[in-house]
Protein backbone atom coordinates (compact mmCIF):
# COMPACT_ATOMS: atom_id res chain seq x y z
CA MET A 1 -4.47 -101.41 -9.88
CA ASP A 2 -3.21 -99.94 -6.77
CA ILE A 3 -4.77 -99.95 -3.56
CA GLN A 4 -6.16 -95.71 -3.88
CA GLN A 5 -7.47 -96.81 -7.01
CA GLN A 6 -8.77 -99.77 -6.16
CA ALA A 7 -10.34 -98.39 -2.70
CA VAL A 8 -11.94 -95.41 -4.85
CA LYS A 9 -13.51 -97.93 -7.12
CA GLU A 10 -14.53 -99.85 -3.91
CA TYR A 11 -16.09 -96.49 -2.43
CA LEU A 12 -17.76 -94.82 -5.80
CA ILE A 13 -18.82 -98.05 -7.54
CA ASP A 14 -19.85 -100.70 -4.90
CA GLY A 15 -21.07 -98.59 -2.15
CA ILE A 16 -18.43 -99.75 0.61
CA PRO A 17 -18.08 -97.67 3.74
CA TYR A 18 -14.78 -95.74 4.36
CA ARG A 19 -14.76 -98.11 7.67
CA ALA A 20 -14.46 -101.21 6.05
CA LEU A 21 -12.20 -100.12 3.23
CA ALA A 22 -9.43 -98.51 5.94
CA LYS A 23 -10.04 -102.06 8.03
CA LYS A 24 -9.23 -103.95 4.32
CA TYR A 25 -6.68 -101.71 3.25
CA ASN A 26 -4.78 -100.97 6.82
CA VAL A 27 -4.90 -97.15 6.12
CA SER A 28 -7.23 -94.38 8.19
CA ARG A 29 -10.73 -93.70 7.34
CA SER A 30 -9.52 -89.70 6.39
CA THR A 31 -6.52 -91.20 3.64
CA ILE A 32 -9.48 -93.13 2.13
CA ASN A 33 -11.61 -89.69 2.29
CA LYS A 34 -8.76 -87.80 1.02
CA TRP A 35 -8.55 -90.25 -1.86
CA VAL A 36 -12.15 -89.93 -2.52
CA LEU A 37 -12.05 -86.32 -2.84
CA VAL A 38 -9.00 -85.98 -4.59
CA TYR A 39 -10.42 -88.30 -7.48
CA GLN A 40 -13.89 -86.54 -7.48
CA GLY A 41 -11.76 -83.01 -7.34
CA ILE A 42 -13.13 -81.96 -4.71
CA HIS A 43 -10.32 -80.79 -2.26
CA ASN A 44 -7.17 -78.96 -3.51
CA ILE A 45 -4.77 -81.54 -2.34
CA ALA A 46 -1.00 -82.54 -4.68
CA ARG A 47 -2.24 -85.19 -7.11
CA SER A 48 0.28 -88.24 -7.61
CA HIS A 49 1.44 -89.01 -10.94
CA LYS A 50 -1.60 -92.16 -10.16
CA GLN A 51 -3.86 -90.12 -9.25
CA ILE A 52 -3.42 -87.83 -12.33
CA SER A 53 -4.09 -90.78 -15.06
CA TYR A 54 -6.86 -92.65 -12.61
CA ASP A 55 -8.43 -88.85 -12.74
CA LEU A 56 -8.20 -88.23 -16.10
CA GLN A 57 -7.14 -91.55 -17.74
CA GLN A 58 -6.75 -90.71 -22.04
CA LYS A 59 -6.30 -87.24 -21.37
CA THR A 60 -3.30 -85.12 -22.65
CA LEU A 61 -1.97 -82.88 -19.91
CA GLY A 62 -0.47 -79.68 -21.59
CA LYS A 63 -0.55 -80.83 -24.95
CA GLN A 64 -2.69 -80.06 -28.35
CA SER A 65 -5.11 -83.05 -28.35
CA LYS A 66 -5.10 -84.69 -31.84
CA GLN A 67 -9.18 -85.89 -30.71
CA PRO A 68 -12.18 -84.68 -32.93
CA PRO A 69 -13.87 -80.95 -31.79
CA ALA A 70 -17.15 -82.21 -30.26
CA GLN A 71 -14.91 -84.87 -27.98
CA HIS A 72 -12.48 -82.12 -26.99
CA SER A 73 -15.51 -79.71 -26.28
CA ASN A 74 -16.95 -82.66 -23.75
CA GLU A 75 -13.52 -83.01 -21.73
CA LEU A 76 -13.76 -78.66 -21.45
CA GLU A 77 -17.29 -79.23 -19.88
CA LYS A 78 -16.04 -81.77 -17.65
CA LYS A 79 -13.18 -79.41 -16.78
CA ILE A 80 -15.06 -76.65 -16.04
CA ALA A 81 -17.56 -78.95 -14.00
CA LEU A 82 -14.90 -80.07 -12.20
CA LEU A 83 -13.12 -76.21 -11.23
CA GLU A 84 -16.78 -74.86 -10.44
CA LYS A 85 -17.16 -77.87 -7.98
CA GLN A 86 -13.88 -76.81 -7.02
CA LEU A 87 -14.89 -73.31 -6.49
CA GLU A 88 -17.97 -73.94 -4.26
CA TRP A 89 -16.20 -76.22 -1.94
CA GLU A 90 -13.89 -73.23 -1.79
CA LYS A 91 -16.72 -70.71 -1.16
CA LEU A 92 -18.11 -73.59 1.43
CA LYS A 93 -14.82 -73.62 3.15
CA SER A 94 -14.51 -69.78 3.51
CA HIS A 95 -18.09 -69.45 4.69
CA ALA A 96 -17.29 -71.34 7.69
CA LEU A 97 -14.17 -70.01 8.91
CA ASP A 98 -16.12 -66.89 8.29
CA THR A 99 -18.68 -68.40 11.03
CA MET A 100 -15.81 -69.49 13.06
CA ILE A 101 -13.96 -66.24 14.05
CA THR A 102 -17.44 -64.77 14.12
CA VAL A 103 -18.30 -67.25 16.54
CA ALA A 104 -15.06 -67.13 17.89
CA GLU A 105 -15.39 -62.85 18.79
CA ARG A 106 -19.02 -62.91 19.90
CA GLU A 107 -18.13 -65.74 22.37
CA LEU A 108 -14.86 -65.37 23.73
CA ASN A 109 -15.09 -61.49 23.53
CA ILE A 110 -12.00 -60.78 21.39
CA ASP A 111 -11.37 -59.33 18.40
CA ILE A 112 -9.62 -61.63 16.23
CA ARG A 113 -10.20 -59.59 12.67
CA LYS A 114 -7.93 -56.74 12.01
CA LYS A 115 -10.17 -53.74 11.65
CA HIS A 116 -9.71 -51.34 8.76
CA GLY A 117 -7.16 -48.26 9.90
CA THR A 118 -5.26 -50.21 12.62
CA LYS A 119 -1.76 -49.25 12.98
CA GLN A 120 0.82 -51.38 13.52
CA SER A 121 2.24 -51.08 17.27
CA GLU A 122 5.67 -49.19 16.89
CA LYS A 123 8.88 -51.54 18.93
């Protein structure tokens, strides 16, 4: 098991905090956080081959599954739940960015958003 898998396992199962794991594996806390988020499928970060195999373990990617229909259905439900979690995360992120722009416009008294019907300046 590589350090990414071990760190994620220790965080999720054993409850070891990011700081302790970062010190133990000599990586930053944000790196540990990204590994955990990638494993949980929340963050939209490209996954390495090892992370895919760790996350999906015995699933087949892009191939017809020879599993019984009940097991295939269970996998589809898990995938749907994962996608719903990712969608929820992206909606939250979008709302946060929208709120930041609104606050910046109000506090700095400048227009950041392009207004409807605005024409580009001619150069």
